[in-house]
């Protein structure tokens, strides 16, 4: 992985969070409140414009009723499905 930002992982995380939130019929505002972050930050995460800190991953996972490990695994699995195959 080159650089500190892996766009495939960032995009995968955004999709995983959005899907989990929507499945719970939760608004961005509700998730933000539960996770103790600003609503605009949730929007930035869900649009792959920001990368979360470790503490935010833990907080969002808890607010979504997931373990941090599950959130990271879903992200990793999603990224693996979308990452181009290497010859």
C-alpha atoms as a PDB file:
ATOM      1  CA  UNK A   1       0.000   0.000   0.000  1.00  0.00           C
ATOM      2  CA  UNK A   2       1.515   3.303  -0.977  1.00  0.00           C
ATOM      3  CA  UNK A   3       0.961   6.371   1.174  1.00  0.00           C
ATOM      4  CA  UNK A   4      -1.193   6.689   4.242  1.00  0.00           C
ATOM      5  CA  UNK A   5      -4.519   6.786   2.377  1.00  0.00           C
ATOM      6  CA  UNK A   6      -5.819   3.651   0.706  1.00  0.00           C
ATOM      7  CA  UNK A   7      -8.787   4.866  -1.310  1.00  0.00           C
ATOM      8  CA  UNK A   8     -10.209   1.354  -1.703  1.00  0.00           C
ATOM      9  CA  UNK A   9     -10.274   0.862   2.078  1.00  0.00           C
ATOM     10  CA  UNK A  10     -11.706   4.321   2.682  1.00  0.00           C
ATOM     11  CA  UNK A  11     -14.492   3.704   0.155  1.00  0.00           C
ATOM     12  CA  UNK A  12     -15.175   0.234   1.574  1.00  0.00           C
ATOM     13  CA  UNK A  13     -15.436   1.625   5.105  1.00  0.00           C
ATOM     14  CA  UNK A  14     -17.842   4.313   3.933  1.00  0.00           C
ATOM     15  CA  UNK A  15     -20.108   1.732   2.281  1.00  0.00           C
ATOM     16  CA  UNK A  16     -20.036  -0.626   5.265  1.00  0.00           C
ATOM     17  CA  UNK A  17     -20.960   2.133   7.712  1.00  0.00           C
ATOM     18  CA  UNK A  18     -23.732   3.488   5.482  1.00  0.00           C
ATOM     19  CA  UNK A  19     -25.230   0.025   4.902  1.00  0.00           C
ATOM     20  CA  UNK A  20     -25.172  -0.843   8.607  1.00  0.00           C
ATOM     21  CA  UNK A  21     -26.738   2.501   9.544  1.00  0.00           C
ATOM     22  CA  UNK A  22     -29.480   2.222   6.922  1.00  0.00           C
ATOM     23  CA  UNK A  23     -30.216  -1.394   7.927  1.00  0.00           C
ATOM     24  CA  UNK A  24     -30.907  -0.096  11.436  1.00  0.00           C
ATOM     25  CA  UNK A  25     -33.118   2.685  10.010  1.00  0.00           C
ATOM     26  CA  UNK A  26     -30.816   5.149  11.732  1.00  0.00           C
ATOM     27  CA  UNK A  27     -30.180   8.664  10.456  1.00  0.00           C
ATOM     28  CA  UNK A  28     -26.714  10.170  10.205  1.00  0.00           C
ATOM     29  CA  UNK A  29     -27.726  12.496  12.999  1.00  0.00           C
ATOM     30  CA  UNK A  30     -28.734   9.589  15.260  1.00  0.00           C
ATOM     31  CA  UNK A  31     -25.493   7.740  14.553  1.00  0.00           C
ATOM     32  CA  UNK A  32     -23.462  10.878  15.170  1.00  0.00           C
ATOM     33  CA  UNK A  33     -25.204  11.495  18.480  1.00  0.00           C
ATOM     34  CA  UNK A  34     -24.770   7.893  19.613  1.00  0.00           C
ATOM     35  CA  UNK A  35     -21.113   7.848  18.545  1.00  0.00           C
ATOM     36  CA  UNK A  36     -20.390  11.304  20.018  1.00  0.00           C
ATOM     37  CA  UNK A  37     -19.209  12.799  16.736  1.00  0.00           C
ATOM     38  CA  UNK A  38     -20.564  15.600  14.574  1.00  0.00           C
ATOM     39  CA  UNK A  39     -23.230  14.733  11.989  1.00  0.00           C
ATOM     40  CA  UNK A  40     -21.165  16.326   9.239  1.00  0.00           C
ATOM     41  CA  UNK A  41     -18.301  14.000  10.143  1.00  0.00           C
ATOM     42  CA  UNK A  42     -20.552  10.967   9.601  1.00  0.00           C
ATOM     43  CA  UNK A  43     -21.464  12.403   6.206  1.00  0.00           C
ATOM     44  CA  UNK A  44     -17.803  12.891   5.353  1.00  0.00           C
ATOM     45  CA  UNK A  45     -17.023   9.315   6.406  1.00  0.00           C
ATOM     46  CA  UNK A  46     -19.940   7.904   4.422  1.00  0.00           C
ATOM     47  CA  UNK A  47     -18.822   9.838   1.347  1.00  0.00           C
ATOM     48  CA  UNK A  48     -15.214   8.638   1.724  1.00  0.00           C
ATOM     49  CA  UNK A  49     -13.890  12.138   2.365  1.00  0.00           C
ATOM     50  CA  UNK A  50     -12.427  11.313   5.788  1.00  0.00           C
ATOM     51  CA  UNK A  51     -10.680   8.404   7.495  1.00  0.00           C
ATOM     52  CA  UNK A  52     -11.734   7.574  11.048  1.00  0.00           C
ATOM     53  CA  UNK A  53      -9.417   7.380  14.004  1.00  0.00           C
ATOM     54  CA  UNK A  54      -9.249   4.159  15.988  1.00  0.00           C
ATOM     55  CA  UNK A  55     -11.415   5.628  18.743  1.00  0.00           C
ATOM     56  CA  UNK A  56     -14.049   6.678  16.184  1.00  0.00           C
ATOM     57  CA  UNK A  57     -14.079   3.173  14.691  1.00  0.00           C
ATOM     58  CA  UNK A  58     -14.773   1.775  18.170  1.00  0.00           C
ATOM     59  CA  UNK A  59     -17.474   4.363  18.851  1.00  0.00           C
ATOM     60  CA  UNK A  60     -19.237   3.921  15.488  1.00  0.00           C
ATOM     61  CA  UNK A  61     -19.091   0.135  15.755  1.00  0.00           C
ATOM     62  CA  UNK A  62     -20.683   0.234  19.199  1.00  0.00           C
ATOM     63  CA  UNK A  63     -23.381   2.632  18.001  1.00  0.00           C
ATOM     64  CA  UNK A  64     -24.173   0.258  15.135  1.00  0.00           C
ATOM     65  CA  UNK A  65     -24.370  -2.731  17.483  1.00  0.00           C
ATOM     66  CA  UNK A  66     -21.181  -4.220  16.044  1.00  0.00           C
ATOM     67  CA  UNK A  67     -17.798  -5.051  17.451  1.00  0.00           C
ATOM     68  CA  UNK A  68     -14.897  -3.045  16.042  1.00  0.00           C
ATOM     69  CA  UNK A  69     -13.534  -6.335  14.714  1.00  0.00           C
ATOM     70  CA  UNK A  70     -16.726  -6.961  12.736  1.00  0.00           C
ATOM     71  CA  UNK A  71     -16.680  -3.451  11.278  1.00  0.00           C
ATOM     72  CA  UNK A  72     -13.037  -3.833  10.225  1.00  0.00           C
ATOM     73  CA  UNK A  73     -13.610  -7.344   8.830  1.00  0.00           C
ATOM     74  CA  UNK A  74     -16.559  -6.175   6.746  1.00  0.00           C
ATOM     75  CA  UNK A  75     -14.429  -3.305   5.478  1.00  0.00           C
ATOM     76  CA  UNK A  76     -11.544  -5.615   4.630  1.00  0.00           C
ATOM     77  CA  UNK A  77     -13.848  -8.076   2.868  1.00  0.00           C
ATOM     78  CA  UNK A  78     -15.533  -5.307   0.866  1.00  0.00           C
ATOM     79  CA  UNK A  79     -12.171  -3.844  -0.144  1.00  0.00           C
ATOM     80  CA  UNK A  80     -10.916  -7.278  -1.225  1.00  0.00           C
ATOM     81  CA  UNK A  81     -13.939  -7.710  -3.495  1.00  0.00           C
ATOM     82  CA  UNK A  82     -13.444  -4.321  -5.164  1.00  0.00           C
ATOM     83  CA  UNK A  83      -9.642  -4.236  -5.347  1.00  0.00           C
ATOM     84  CA  UNK A  84      -8.370  -5.074  -8.844  1.00  0.00           C
ATOM     85  CA  UNK A  85      -6.744  -8.493  -9.143  1.00  0.00           C
ATOM     86  CA  UNK A  86      -3.012  -8.604  -9.496  1.00  0.00           C
ATOM     87  CA  UNK A  87      -1.653 -10.676 -12.399  1.00  0.00           C
END
